């Protein structure tokens, strides 16, 4: 969420989402 990581292990599906923060919050 802070932009320090480009991907999260086990959550590769988030790369295709436009609302990254909204999905993770």
PDBML (XML) file of the C-alpha atoms, coordinates in Angstrom:
<?xml version="1.0" encoding="UTF-8" ?>
<PDBx:datablock datablockName="MODEL"
   xmlns:PDBx="http://pdbml.pdb.org/schema/pdbx-v50.xsd"
   xmlns:xsi="http://www.w3.org/2001/XMLSchema-instance"
   xsi:schemaLocation="http://pdbml.pdb.org/schema/pdbx-v50.xsd pdbx-v50.xsd">
   <PDBx:atom_siteCategory>
      <PDBx:atom_site id="1">
         <PDBx:B_iso_or_equiv>0.00</PDBx:B_iso_or_equiv>
         <PDBx:Cartn_x>0.000</PDBx:Cartn_x>
         <PDBx:Cartn_y>0.000</PDBx:Cartn_y>
         <PDBx:Cartn_z>0.000</PDBx:Cartn_z>
         <PDBx:auth_asym_id>A</PDBx:auth_asym_id>
         <PDBx:auth_atom_id>CA</PDBx:auth_atom_id>
         <PDBx:auth_comp_id>UNK</PDBx:auth_comp_id>
         <PDBx:auth_seq_id>1</PDBx:auth_seq_id>
         <PDBx:group_PDB>ATOM</PDBx:group_PDB>
         <PDBx:label_alt_id xsi:nil="true" />
         <PDBx:label_asym_id>A</PDBx:label_asym_id>
         <PDBx:label_atom_id>CA</PDBx:label_atom_id>
         <PDBx:label_comp_id>UNK</PDBx:label_comp_id>
         <PDBx:label_entity_id>1</PDBx:label_entity_id>
         <PDBx:label_seq_id>1</PDBx:label_seq_id>
         <PDBx:occupancy>1.00</PDBx:occupancy>
         <PDBx:pdbx_PDB_model_num>1</PDBx:pdbx_PDB_model_num>
         <PDBx:type_symbol>C</PDBx:type_symbol>
      </PDBx:atom_site>
      <PDBx:atom_site id="2">
         <PDBx:B_iso_or_equiv>0.00</PDBx:B_iso_or_equiv>
         <PDBx:Cartn_x>2.904</PDBx:Cartn_x>
         <PDBx:Cartn_y>2.366</PDBx:Cartn_y>
         <PDBx:Cartn_z>0.640</PDBx:Cartn_z>
         <PDBx:auth_asym_id>A</PDBx:auth_asym_id>
         <PDBx:auth_atom_id>CA</PDBx:auth_atom_id>
         <PDBx:auth_comp_id>UNK</PDBx:auth_comp_id>
         <PDBx:auth_seq_id>2</PDBx:auth_seq_id>
         <PDBx:group_PDB>ATOM</PDBx:group_PDB>
         <PDBx:label_alt_id xsi:nil="true" />
         <PDBx:label_asym_id>A</PDBx:label_asym_id>
         <PDBx:label_atom_id>CA</PDBx:label_atom_id>
         <PDBx:label_comp_id>UNK</PDBx:label_comp_id>
         <PDBx:label_entity_id>1</PDBx:label_entity_id>
         <PDBx:label_seq_id>2</PDBx:label_seq_id>
         <PDBx:occupancy>1.00</PDBx:occupancy>
         <PDBx:pdbx_PDB_model_num>1</PDBx:pdbx_PDB_model_num>
         <PDBx:type_symbol>C</PDBx:type_symbol>
      </PDBx:atom_site>
      <PDBx:atom_site id="3">
         <PDBx:B_iso_or_equiv>0.00</PDBx:B_iso_or_equiv>
         <PDBx:Cartn_x>4.501</PDBx:Cartn_x>
         <PDBx:Cartn_y>1.502</PDBx:Cartn_y>
         <PDBx:Cartn_z>-2.690</PDBx:Cartn_z>
         <PDBx:auth_asym_id>A</PDBx:auth_asym_id>
         <PDBx:auth_atom_id>CA</PDBx:auth_atom_id>
         <PDBx:auth_comp_id>UNK</PDBx:auth_comp_id>
         <PDBx:auth_seq_id>3</PDBx:auth_seq_id>
         <PDBx:group_PDB>ATOM</PDBx:group_PDB>
         <PDBx:label_alt_id xsi:nil="true" />
         <PDBx:label_asym_id>A</PDBx:label_asym_id>
         <PDBx:label_atom_id>CA</PDBx:label_atom_id>
         <PDBx:label_comp_id>UNK</PDBx:label_comp_id>
         <PDBx:label_entity_id>1</PDBx:label_entity_id>
         <PDBx:label_seq_id>3</PDBx:label_seq_id>
         <PDBx:occupancy>1.00</PDBx:occupancy>
         <PDBx:pdbx_PDB_model_num>1</PDBx:pdbx_PDB_model_num>
         <PDBx:type_symbol>C</PDBx:type_symbol>
      </PDBx:atom_site>
      <PDBx:atom_site id="4">
         <PDBx:B_iso_or_equiv>0.00</PDBx:B_iso_or_equiv>
         <PDBx:Cartn_x>7.521</PDBx:Cartn_x>
         <PDBx:Cartn_y>-0.241</PDBx:Cartn_y>
         <PDBx:Cartn_z>-1.152</PDBx:Cartn_z>
         <PDBx:auth_asym_id>A</PDBx:auth_asym_id>
         <PDBx:auth_atom_id>CA</PDBx:auth_atom_id>
         <PDBx:auth_comp_id>UNK</PDBx:auth_comp_id>
         <PDBx:auth_seq_id>4</PDBx:auth_seq_id>
         <PDBx:group_PDB>ATOM</PDBx:group_PDB>
         <PDBx:label_alt_id xsi:nil="true" />
         <PDBx:label_asym_id>A</PDBx:label_asym_id>
         <PDBx:label_atom_id>CA</PDBx:label_atom_id>
         <PDBx:label_comp_id>UNK</PDBx:label_comp_id>
         <PDBx:label_entity_id>1</PDBx:label_entity_id>
         <PDBx:label_seq_id>4</PDBx:label_seq_id>
         <PDBx:occupancy>1.00</PDBx:occupancy>
         <PDBx:pdbx_PDB_model_num>1</PDBx:pdbx_PDB_model_num>
         <PDBx:type_symbol>C</PDBx:type_symbol>
      </PDBx:atom_site>
      <PDBx:atom_site id="5">
         <PDBx:B_iso_or_equiv>0.00</PDBx:B_iso_or_equiv>
         <PDBx:Cartn_x>6.511</PDBx:Cartn_x>
         <PDBx:Cartn_y>-3.612</PDBx:Cartn_y>
         <PDBx:Cartn_z>-2.629</PDBx:Cartn_z>
         <PDBx:auth_asym_id>A</PDBx:auth_asym_id>
         <PDBx:auth_atom_id>CA</PDBx:auth_atom_id>
         <PDBx:auth_comp_id>UNK</PDBx:auth_comp_id>
         <PDBx:auth_seq_id>5</PDBx:auth_seq_id>
         <PDBx:group_PDB>ATOM</PDBx:group_PDB>
         <PDBx:label_alt_id xsi:nil="true" />
         <PDBx:label_asym_id>A</PDBx:label_asym_id>
         <PDBx:label_atom_id>CA</PDBx:label_atom_id>
         <PDBx:label_comp_id>UNK</PDBx:label_comp_id>
         <PDBx:label_entity_id>1</PDBx:label_entity_id>
         <PDBx:label_seq_id>5</PDBx:label_seq_id>
         <PDBx:occupancy>1.00</PDBx:occupancy>
         <PDBx:pdbx_PDB_model_num>1</PDBx:pdbx_PDB_model_num>
         <PDBx:type_symbol>C</PDBx:type_symbol>
      </PDBx:atom_site>
      <PDBx:atom_site id="6">
         <PDBx:B_iso_or_equiv>0.00</PDBx:B_iso_or_equiv>
         <PDBx:Cartn_x>5.560</PDBx:Cartn_x>
         <PDBx:Cartn_y>-4.290</PDBx:Cartn_y>
         <PDBx:Cartn_z>-6.226</PDBx:Cartn_z>
         <PDBx:auth_asym_id>A</PDBx:auth_asym_id>
         <PDBx:auth_atom_id>CA</PDBx:auth_atom_id>
         <PDBx:auth_comp_id>UNK</PDBx:auth_comp_id>
         <PDBx:auth_seq_id>6</PDBx:auth_seq_id>
         <PDBx:group_PDB>ATOM</PDBx:group_PDB>
         <PDBx:label_alt_id xsi:nil="true" />
         <PDBx:label_asym_id>A</PDBx:label_asym_id>
         <PDBx:label_atom_id>CA</PDBx:label_atom_id>
         <PDBx:label_comp_id>UNK</PDBx:label_comp_id>
         <PDBx:label_entity_id>1</PDBx:label_entity_id>
         <PDBx:label_seq_id>6</PDBx:label_seq_id>
         <PDBx:occupancy>1.00</PDBx:occupancy>
         <PDBx:pdbx_PDB_model_num>1</PDBx:pdbx_PDB_model_num>
         <PDBx:type_symbol>C</PDBx:type_symbol>
      </PDBx:atom_site>
      <PDBx:atom_site id="7">
         <PDBx:B_iso_or_equiv>0.00</PDBx:B_iso_or_equiv>
         <PDBx:Cartn_x>3.733</PDBx:Cartn_x>
         <PDBx:Cartn_y>-7.546</PDBx:Cartn_y>
         <PDBx:Cartn_z>-5.444</PDBx:Cartn_z>
         <PDBx:auth_asym_id>A</PDBx:auth_asym_id>
         <PDBx:auth_atom_id>CA</PDBx:auth_atom_id>
         <PDBx:auth_comp_id>UNK</PDBx:auth_comp_id>
         <PDBx:auth_seq_id>7</PDBx:auth_seq_id>
         <PDBx:group_PDB>ATOM</PDBx:group_PDB>
         <PDBx:label_alt_id xsi:nil="true" />
         <PDBx:label_asym_id>A</PDBx:label_asym_id>
         <PDBx:label_atom_id>CA</PDBx:label_atom_id>
         <PDBx:label_comp_id>UNK</PDBx:label_comp_id>
         <PDBx:label_entity_id>1</PDBx:label_entity_id>
         <PDBx:label_seq_id>7</PDBx:label_seq_id>
         <PDBx:occupancy>1.00</PDBx:occupancy>
         <PDBx:pdbx_PDB_model_num>1</PDBx:pdbx_PDB_model_num>
         <PDBx:type_symbol>C</PDBx:type_symbol>
      </PDBx:atom_site>
      <PDBx:atom_site id="8">
         <PDBx:B_iso_or_equiv>0.00</PDBx:B_iso_or_equiv>
         <PDBx:Cartn_x>2.553</PDBx:Cartn_x>
         <PDBx:Cartn_y>-9.597</PDBx:Cartn_y>
         <PDBx:Cartn_z>-2.505</PDBx:Cartn_z>
         <PDBx:auth_asym_id>A</PDBx:auth_asym_id>
         <PDBx:auth_atom_id>CA</PDBx:auth_atom_id>
         <PDBx:auth_comp_id>UNK</PDBx:auth_comp_id>
         <PDBx:auth_seq_id>8</PDBx:auth_seq_id>
         <PDBx:group_PDB>ATOM</PDBx:group_PDB>
         <PDBx:label_alt_id xsi:nil="true" />
         <PDBx:label_asym_id>A</PDBx:label_asym_id>
         <PDBx:label_atom_id>CA</PDBx:label_atom_id>
         <PDBx:label_comp_id>UNK</PDBx:label_comp_id>
         <PDBx:label_entity_id>1</PDBx:label_entity_id>
         <PDBx:label_seq_id>8</PDBx:label_seq_id>
         <PDBx:occupancy>1.00</PDBx:occupancy>
         <PDBx:pdbx_PDB_model_num>1</PDBx:pdbx_PDB_model_num>
         <PDBx:type_symbol>C</PDBx:type_symbol>
      </PDBx:atom_site>
      <PDBx:atom_site id="9">
         <PDBx:B_iso_or_equiv>0.00</PDBx:B_iso_or_equiv>
         <PDBx:Cartn_x>3.186</PDBx:Cartn_x>
         <PDBx:Cartn_y>-13.331</PDBx:Cartn_y>
         <PDBx:Cartn_z>-2.403</PDBx:Cartn_z>
         <PDBx:auth_asym_id>A</PDBx:auth_asym_id>
         <PDBx:auth_atom_id>CA</PDBx:auth_atom_id>
         <PDBx:auth_comp_id>UNK</PDBx:auth_comp_id>
         <PDBx:auth_seq_id>9</PDBx:auth_seq_id>
         <PDBx:group_PDB>ATOM</PDBx:group_PDB>
         <PDBx:label_alt_id xsi:nil="true" />
         <PDBx:label_asym_id>A</PDBx:label_asym_id>
         <PDBx:label_atom_id>CA</PDBx:label_atom_id>
         <PDBx:label_comp_id>UNK</PDBx:label_comp_id>
         <PDBx:label_entity_id>1</PDBx:label_entity_id>
         <PDBx:label_seq_id>9</PDBx:label_seq_id>
         <PDBx:occupancy>1.00</PDBx:occupancy>
         <PDBx:pdbx_PDB_model_num>1</PDBx:pdbx_PDB_model_num>
         <PDBx:type_symbol>C</PDBx:type_symbol>
      </PDBx:atom_site>
      <PDBx:atom_site id="10">
         <PDBx:B_iso_or_equiv>0.00</PDBx:B_iso_or_equiv>
         <PDBx:Cartn_x>-0.056</PDBx:Cartn_x>
         <PDBx:Cartn_y>-15.258</PDBx:Cartn_y>
         <PDBx:Cartn_z>-2.650</PDBx:Cartn_z>
         <PDBx:auth_asym_id>A</PDBx:auth_asym_id>
         <PDBx:auth_atom_id>CA</PDBx:auth_atom_id>
         <PDBx:auth_comp_id>UNK</PDBx:auth_comp_id>
         <PDBx:auth_seq_id>10</PDBx:auth_seq_id>
         <PDBx:group_PDB>ATOM</PDBx:group_PDB>
         <PDBx:label_alt_id xsi:nil="true" />
         <PDBx:label_asym_id>A</PDBx:label_asym_id>
         <PDBx:label_atom_id>CA</PDBx:label_atom_id>
         <PDBx:label_comp_id>UNK</PDBx:label_comp_id>
         <PDBx:label_entity_id>1</PDBx:label_entity_id>
         <PDBx:label_seq_id>10</PDBx:label_seq_id>
         <PDBx:occupancy>1.00</PDBx:occupancy>
         <PDBx:pdbx_PDB_model_num>1</PDBx:pdbx_PDB_model_num>
         <PDBx:type_symbol>C</PDBx:type_symbol>
      </PDBx:atom_site>
      <PDBx:atom_site id="11">
         <PDBx:B_iso_or_equiv>0.00</PDBx:B_iso_or_equiv>
         <PDBx:Cartn_x>-1.976</PDBx:Cartn_x>
         <PDBx:Cartn_y>-12.243</PDBx:Cartn_y>
         <PDBx:Cartn_z>-3.982</PDBx:Cartn_z>
         <PDBx:auth_asym_id>A</PDBx:auth_asym_id>
         <PDBx:auth_atom_id>CA</PDBx:auth_atom_id>
         <PDBx:auth_comp_id>UNK</PDBx:auth_comp_id>
         <PDBx:auth_seq_id>11</PDBx:auth_seq_id>
         <PDBx:group_PDB>ATOM</PDBx:group_PDB>
         <PDBx:label_alt_id xsi:nil="true" />
         <PDBx:label_asym_id>A</PDBx:label_asym_id>
         <PDBx:label_atom_id>CA</PDBx:label_atom_id>
         <PDBx:label_comp_id>UNK</PDBx:label_comp_id>
         <PDBx:label_entity_id>1</PDBx:label_entity_id>
         <PDBx:label_seq_id>11</PDBx:label_seq_id>
         <PDBx:occupancy>1.00</PDBx:occupancy>
         <PDBx:pdbx_PDB_model_num>1</PDBx:pdbx_PDB_model_num>
         <PDBx:type_symbol>C</PDBx:type_symbol>
      </PDBx:atom_site>
      <PDBx:atom_site id="12">
         <PDBx:B_iso_or_equiv>0.00</PDBx:B_iso_or_equiv>
         <PDBx:Cartn_x>-0.910</PDBx:Cartn_x>
         <PDBx:Cartn_y>-12.110</PDBx:Cartn_y>
         <PDBx:Cartn_z>-7.620</PDBx:Cartn_z>
         <PDBx:auth_asym_id>A</PDBx:auth_asym_id>
         <PDBx:auth_atom_id>CA</PDBx:auth_atom_id>
         <PDBx:auth_comp_id>UNK</PDBx:auth_comp_id>
         <PDBx:auth_seq_id>12</PDBx:auth_seq_id>
         <PDBx:group_PDB>ATOM</PDBx:group_PDB>
         <PDBx:label_alt_id xsi:nil="true" />
         <PDBx:label_asym_id>A</PDBx:label_asym_id>
         <PDBx:label_atom_id>CA</PDBx:label_atom_id>
         <PDBx:label_comp_id>UNK</PDBx:label_comp_id>
         <PDBx:label_entity_id>1</PDBx:label_entity_id>
         <PDBx:label_seq_id>12</PDBx:label_seq_id>
         <PDBx:occupancy>1.00</PDBx:occupancy>
         <PDBx:pdbx_PDB_model_num>1</PDBx:pdbx_PDB_model_num>
         <PDBx:type_symbol>C</PDBx:type_symbol>
      </PDBx:atom_site>
      <PDBx:atom_site id="13">
         <PDBx:B_iso_or_equiv>0.00</PDBx:B_iso_or_equiv>
         <PDBx:Cartn_x>-4.561</PDBx:Cartn_x>
         <PDBx:Cartn_y>-11.508</PDBx:Cartn_y>
         <PDBx:Cartn_z>-8.626</PDBx:Cartn_z>
         <PDBx:auth_asym_id>A</PDBx:auth_asym_id>
         <PDBx:auth_atom_id>CA</PDBx:auth_atom_id>
         <PDBx:auth_comp_id>UNK</PDBx:auth_comp_id>
         <PDBx:auth_seq_id>13</PDBx:auth_seq_id>
         <PDBx:group_PDB>ATOM</PDBx:group_PDB>
         <PDBx:label_alt_id xsi:nil="true" />
         <PDBx:label_asym_id>A</PDBx:label_asym_id>
         <PDBx:label_atom_id>CA</PDBx:label_atom_id>
         <PDBx:label_comp_id>UNK</PDBx:label_comp_id>
         <PDBx:label_entity_id>1</PDBx:label_entity_id>
         <PDBx:label_seq_id>13</PDBx:label_seq_id>
         <PDBx:occupancy>1.00</PDBx:occupancy>
         <PDBx:pdbx_PDB_model_num>1</PDBx:pdbx_PDB_model_num>
         <PDBx:type_symbol>C</PDBx:type_symbol>
      </PDBx:atom_site>
      <PDBx:atom_site id="14">
         <PDBx:B_iso_or_equiv>0.00</PDBx:B_iso_or_equiv>
         <PDBx:Cartn_x>-4.227</PDBx:Cartn_x>
         <PDBx:Cartn_y>-7.943</PDBx:Cartn_y>
         <PDBx:Cartn_z>-7.325</PDBx:Cartn_z>
         <PDBx:auth_asym_id>A</PDBx:auth_asym_id>
         <PDBx:auth_atom_id>CA</PDBx:auth_atom_id>
         <PDBx:auth_comp_id>UNK</PDBx:auth_comp_id>
         <PDBx:auth_seq_id>14</PDBx:auth_seq_id>
         <PDBx:group_PDB>ATOM</PDBx:group_PDB>
         <PDBx:label_alt_id xsi:nil="true" />
         <PDBx:label_asym_id>A</PDBx:label_asym_id>
         <PDBx:label_atom_id>CA</PDBx:label_atom_id>
         <PDBx:label_comp_id>UNK</PDBx:label_comp_id>
         <PDBx:label_entity_id>1</PDBx:label_entity_id>
         <PDBx:label_seq_id>14</PDBx:label_seq_id>
         <PDBx:occupancy>1.00</PDBx:occupancy>
         <PDBx:pdbx_PDB_model_num>1</PDBx:pdbx_PDB_model_num>
         <PDBx:type_symbol>C</PDBx:type_symbol>
      </PDBx:atom_site>
      <PDBx:atom_site id="15">
         <PDBx:B_iso_or_equiv>0.00</PDBx:B_iso_or_equiv>
         <PDBx:Cartn_x>-1.962</PDBx:Cartn_x>
         <PDBx:Cartn_y>-6.965</PDBx:Cartn_y>
         <PDBx:Cartn_z>-10.222</PDBx:Cartn_z>
         <PDBx:auth_asym_id>A</PDBx:auth_asym_id>
         <PDBx:auth_atom_id>CA</PDBx:auth_atom_id>
         <PDBx:auth_comp_id>UNK</PDBx:auth_comp_id>
         <PDBx:auth_seq_id>15</PDBx:auth_seq_id>
         <PDBx:group_PDB>ATOM</PDBx:group_PDB>
         <PDBx:label_alt_id xsi:nil="true" />
         <PDBx:label_asym_id>A</PDBx:label_asym_id>
         <PDBx:label_atom_id>CA</PDBx:label_atom_id>
         <PDBx:label_comp_id>UNK</PDBx:label_comp_id>
         <PDBx:label_entity_id>1</PDBx:label_entity_id>
         <PDBx:label_seq_id>15</PDBx:label_seq_id>
         <PDBx:occupancy>1.00</PDBx:occupancy>
         <PDBx:pdbx_PDB_model_num>1</PDBx:pdbx_PDB_model_num>
         <PDBx:type_symbol>C</PDBx:type_symbol>
      </PDBx:atom_site>
      <PDBx:atom_site id="16">
         <PDBx:B_iso_or_equiv>0.00</PDBx:B_iso_or_equiv>
         <PDBx:Cartn_x>-4.921</PDBx:Cartn_x>
         <PDBx:Cartn_y>-6.944</PDBx:Cartn_y>
         <PDBx:Cartn_z>-12.594</PDBx:Cartn_z>
         <PDBx:auth_asym_id>A</PDBx:auth_asym_id>
         <PDBx:auth_atom_id>CA</PDBx:auth_atom_id>
         <PDBx:auth_comp_id>UNK</PDBx:auth_comp_id>
         <PDBx:auth_seq_id>16</PDBx:auth_seq_id>
         <PDBx:group_PDB>ATOM</PDBx:group_PDB>
         <PDBx:label_alt_id xsi:nil="true" />
         <PDBx:label_asym_id>A</PDBx:label_asym_id>
         <PDBx:label_atom_id>CA</PDBx:label_atom_id>
         <PDBx:label_comp_id>UNK</PDBx:label_comp_id>
         <PDBx:label_entity_id>1</PDBx:label_entity_id>
         <PDBx:label_seq_id>16</PDBx:label_seq_id>
         <PDBx:occupancy>1.00</PDBx:occupancy>
         <PDBx:pdbx_PDB_model_num>1</PDBx:pdbx_PDB_model_num>
         <PDBx:type_symbol>C</PDBx:type_symbol>
      </PDBx:atom_site>
      <PDBx:atom_site id="17">
         <PDBx:B_iso_or_equiv>0.00</PDBx:B_iso_or_equiv>
         <PDBx:Cartn_x>-7.077</PDBx:Cartn_x>
         <PDBx:Cartn_y>-4.809</PDBx:Cartn_y>
         <PDBx:Cartn_z>-10.325</PDBx:Cartn_z>
         <PDBx:auth_asym_id>A</PDBx:auth_asym_id>
         <PDBx:auth_atom_id>CA</PDBx:auth_atom_id>
         <PDBx:auth_comp_id>UNK</PDBx:auth_comp_id>
         <PDBx:auth_seq_id>17</PDBx:auth_seq_id>
         <PDBx:group_PDB>ATOM</PDBx:group_PDB>
         <PDBx:label_alt_id xsi:nil="true" />
         <PDBx:label_asym_id>A</PDBx:label_asym_id>
         <PDBx:label_atom_id>CA</PDBx:label_atom_id>
         <PDBx:label_comp_id>UNK</PDBx:label_comp_id>
         <PDBx:label_entity_id>1</PDBx:label_entity_id>
         <PDBx:label_seq_id>17</PDBx:label_seq_id>
         <PDBx:occupancy>1.00</PDBx:occupancy>
         <PDBx:pdbx_PDB_model_num>1</PDBx:pdbx_PDB_model_num>
         <PDBx:type_symbol>C</PDBx:type_symbol>
      </PDBx:atom_site>
      <PDBx:atom_site id="18">
         <PDBx:B_iso_or_equiv>0.00</PDBx:B_iso_or_equiv>
         <PDBx:Cartn_x>-7.301</PDBx:Cartn_x>
         <PDBx:Cartn_y>-1.078</PDBx:Cartn_y>
         <PDBx:Cartn_z>-10.766</PDBx:Cartn_z>
         <PDBx:auth_asym_id>A</PDBx:auth_asym_id>
         <PDBx:auth_atom_id>CA</PDBx:auth_atom_id>
         <PDBx:auth_comp_id>UNK</PDBx:auth_comp_id>
         <PDBx:auth_seq_id>18</PDBx:auth_seq_id>
         <PDBx:group_PDB>ATOM</PDBx:group_PDB>
         <PDBx:label_alt_id xsi:nil="true" />
         <PDBx:label_asym_id>A</PDBx:label_asym_id>
         <PDBx:label_atom_id>CA</PDBx:label_atom_id>
         <PDBx:label_comp_id>UNK</PDBx:label_comp_id>
         <PDBx:label_entity_id>1</PDBx:label_entity_id>
         <PDBx:label_seq_id>18</PDBx:label_seq_id>
         <PDBx:occupancy>1.00</PDBx:occupancy>
         <PDBx:pdbx_PDB_model_num>1</PDBx:pdbx_PDB_model_num>
         <PDBx:type_symbol>C</PDBx:type_symbol>
      </PDBx:atom_site>
      <PDBx:atom_site id="19">
         <PDBx:B_iso_or_equiv>0.00</PDBx:B_iso_or_equiv>
         <PDBx:Cartn_x>-8.284</PDBx:Cartn_x>
         <PDBx:Cartn_y>-0.281</PDBx:Cartn_y>
         <PDBx:Cartn_z>-7.177</PDBx:Cartn_z>
         <PDBx:auth_asym_id>A</PDBx:auth_asym_id>
         <PDBx:auth_atom_id>CA</PDBx:auth_atom_id>
         <PDBx:auth_comp_id>UNK</PDBx:auth_comp_id>
         <PDBx:auth_seq_id>19</PDBx:auth_seq_id>
         <PDBx:group_PDB>ATOM</PDBx:group_PDB>
         <PDBx:label_alt_id xsi:nil="true" />
         <PDBx:label_asym_id>A</PDBx:label_asym_id>
         <PDBx:label_atom_id>CA</PDBx:label_atom_id>
         <PDBx:label_comp_id>UNK</PDBx:label_comp_id>
         <PDBx:label_entity_id>1</PDBx:label_entity_id>
         <PDBx:label_seq_id>19</PDBx:label_seq_id>
         <PDBx:occupancy>1.00</PDBx:occupancy>
         <PDBx:pdbx_PDB_model_num>1</PDBx:pdbx_PDB_model_num>
         <PDBx:type_symbol>C</PDBx:type_symbol>
      </PDBx:atom_site>
      <PDBx:atom_site id="20">
         <PDBx:B_iso_or_equiv>0.00</PDBx:B_iso_or_equiv>
         <PDBx:Cartn_x>-5.287</PDBx:Cartn_x>
         <PDBx:Cartn_y>-1.864</PDBx:Cartn_y>
         <PDBx:Cartn_z>-5.465</PDBx:Cartn_z>
         <PDBx:auth_asym_id>A</PDBx:auth_asym_id>
         <PDBx:auth_atom_id>CA</PDBx:auth_atom_id>
         <PDBx:auth_comp_id>UNK</PDBx:auth_comp_id>
         <PDBx:auth_seq_id>20</PDBx:auth_seq_id>
         <PDBx:group_PDB>ATOM</PDBx:group_PDB>
         <PDBx:label_alt_id xsi:nil="true" />
         <PDBx:label_asym_id>A</PDBx:label_asym_id>
         <PDBx:label_atom_id>CA</PDBx:label_atom_id>
         <PDBx:label_comp_id>UNK</PDBx:label_comp_id>
         <PDBx:label_entity_id>1</PDBx:label_entity_id>
         <PDBx:label_seq_id>20</PDBx:label_seq_id>
         <PDBx:occupancy>1.00</PDBx:occupancy>
         <PDBx:pdbx_PDB_model_num>1</PDBx:pdbx_PDB_model_num>
         <PDBx:type_symbol>C</PDBx:type_symbol>
      </PDBx:atom_site>
      <PDBx:atom_site id="21">
         <PDBx:B_iso_or_equiv>0.00</PDBx:B_iso_or_equiv>
         <PDBx:Cartn_x>-5.645</PDBx:Cartn_x>
         <PDBx:Cartn_y>0.065</PDBx:Cartn_y>
         <PDBx:Cartn_z>-2.195</PDBx:Cartn_z>
         <PDBx:auth_asym_id>A</PDBx:auth_asym_id>
         <PDBx:auth_atom_id>CA</PDBx:auth_atom_id>
         <PDBx:auth_comp_id>UNK</PDBx:auth_comp_id>
         <PDBx:auth_seq_id>21</PDBx:auth_seq_id>
         <PDBx:group_PDB>ATOM</PDBx:group_PDB>
         <PDBx:label_alt_id xsi:nil="true" />
         <PDBx:label_asym_id>A</PDBx:label_asym_id>
         <PDBx:label_atom_id>CA</PDBx:label_atom_id>
         <PDBx:label_comp_id>UNK</PDBx:label_comp_id>
         <PDBx:label_entity_id>1</PDBx:label_entity_id>
         <PDBx:label_seq_id>21</PDBx:label_seq_id>
         <PDBx:occupancy>1.00</PDBx:occupancy>
         <PDBx:pdbx_PDB_model_num>1</PDBx:pdbx_PDB_model_num>
         <PDBx:type_symbol>C</PDBx:type_symbol>
      </PDBx:atom_site>
      <PDBx:atom_site id="22">
         <PDBx:B_iso_or_equiv>0.00</PDBx:B_iso_or_equiv>
         <PDBx:Cartn_x>-9.410</PDBx:Cartn_x>
         <PDBx:Cartn_y>-0.433</PDBx:Cartn_y>
         <PDBx:Cartn_z>-2.113</PDBx:Cartn_z>
         <PDBx:auth_asym_id>A</PDBx:auth_asym_id>
         <PDBx:auth_atom_id>CA</PDBx:auth_atom_id>
         <PDBx:auth_comp_id>UNK</PDBx:auth_comp_id>
         <PDBx:auth_seq_id>22</PDBx:auth_seq_id>
         <PDBx:group_PDB>ATOM</PDBx:group_PDB>
         <PDBx:label_alt_id xsi:nil="true" />
         <PDBx:label_asym_id>A</PDBx:label_asym_id>
         <PDBx:label_atom_id>CA</PDBx:label_atom_id>
         <PDBx:label_comp_id>UNK</PDBx:label_comp_id>
         <PDBx:label_entity_id>1</PDBx:label_entity_id>
         <PDBx:label_seq_id>22</PDBx:label_seq_id>
         <PDBx:occupancy>1.00</PDBx:occupancy>
         <PDBx:pdbx_PDB_model_num>1</PDBx:pdbx_PDB_model_num>
         <PDBx:type_symbol>C</PDBx:type_symbol>
      </PDBx:atom_site>
      <PDBx:atom_site id="23">
         <PDBx:B_iso_or_equiv>0.00</PDBx:B_iso_or_equiv>
         <PDBx:Cartn_x>-8.948</PDBx:Cartn_x>
         <PDBx:Cartn_y>-4.184</PDBx:Cartn_y>
         <PDBx:Cartn_z>-2.448</PDBx:Cartn_z>
         <PDBx:auth_asym_id>A</PDBx:auth_asym_id>
         <PDBx:auth_atom_id>CA</PDBx:auth_atom_id>
         <PDBx:auth_comp_id>UNK</PDBx:auth_comp_id>
         <PDBx:auth_seq_id>23</PDBx:auth_seq_id>
         <PDBx:group_PDB>ATOM</PDBx:group_PDB>
         <PDBx:label_alt_id xsi:nil="true" />
         <PDBx:label_asym_id>A</PDBx:label_asym_id>
         <PDBx:label_atom_id>CA</PDBx:label_atom_id>
         <PDBx:label_comp_id>UNK</PDBx:label_comp_id>
         <PDBx:label_entity_id>1</PDBx:label_entity_id>
         <PDBx:label_seq_id>23</PDBx:label_seq_id>
         <PDBx:occupancy>1.00</PDBx:occupancy>
         <PDBx:pdbx_PDB_model_num>1</PDBx:pdbx_PDB_model_num>
         <PDBx:type_symbol>C</PDBx:type_symbol>
      </PDBx:atom_site>
      <PDBx:atom_site id="24">
         <PDBx:B_iso_or_equiv>0.00</PDBx:B_iso_or_equiv>
         <PDBx:Cartn_x>-6.317</PDBx:Cartn_x>
         <PDBx:Cartn_y>-4.408</PDBx:Cartn_y>
         <PDBx:Cartn_z>0.264</PDBx:Cartn_z>
         <PDBx:auth_asym_id>A</PDBx:auth_asym_id>
         <PDBx:auth_atom_id>CA</PDBx:auth_atom_id>
         <PDBx:auth_comp_id>UNK</PDBx:auth_comp_id>
         <PDBx:auth_seq_id>24</PDBx:auth_seq_id>
         <PDBx:group_PDB>ATOM</PDBx:group_PDB>
         <PDBx:label_alt_id xsi:nil="true" />
         <PDBx:label_asym_id>A</PDBx:label_asym_id>
         <PDBx:label_atom_id>CA</PDBx:label_atom_id>
         <PDBx:label_comp_id>UNK</PDBx:label_comp_id>
         <PDBx:label_entity_id>1</PDBx:label_entity_id>
         <PDBx:label_seq_id>24</PDBx:label_seq_id>
         <PDBx:occupancy>1.00</PDBx:occupancy>
         <PDBx:pdbx_PDB_model_num>1</PDBx:pdbx_PDB_model_num>
         <PDBx:type_symbol>C</PDBx:type_symbol>
      </PDBx:atom_site>
      <PDBx:atom_site id="25">
         <PDBx:B_iso_or_equiv>0.00</PDBx:B_iso_or_equiv>
         <PDBx:Cartn_x>-7.691</PDBx:Cartn_x>
         <PDBx:Cartn_y>-1.997</PDBx:Cartn_y>
         <PDBx:Cartn_z>2.869</PDBx:Cartn_z>
         <PDBx:auth_asym_id>A</PDBx:auth_asym_id>
         <PDBx:auth_atom_id>CA</PDBx:auth_atom_id>
         <PDBx:auth_comp_id>UNK</PDBx:auth_comp_id>
         <PDBx:auth_seq_id>25</PDBx:auth_seq_id>
         <PDBx:group_PDB>ATOM</PDBx:group_PDB>
         <PDBx:label_alt_id xsi:nil="true" />
         <PDBx:label_asym_id>A</PDBx:label_asym_id>
         <PDBx:label_atom_id>CA</PDBx:label_atom_id>
         <PDBx:label_comp_id>UNK</PDBx:label_comp_id>
         <PDBx:label_entity_id>1</PDBx:label_entity_id>
         <PDBx:label_seq_id>25</PDBx:label_seq_id>
         <PDBx:occupancy>1.00</PDBx:occupancy>
         <PDBx:pdbx_PDB_model_num>1</PDBx:pdbx_PDB_model_num>
         <PDBx:type_symbol>C</PDBx:type_symbol>
      </PDBx:atom_site>
   </PDBx:atom_siteCategory>
</PDBx:datablock>
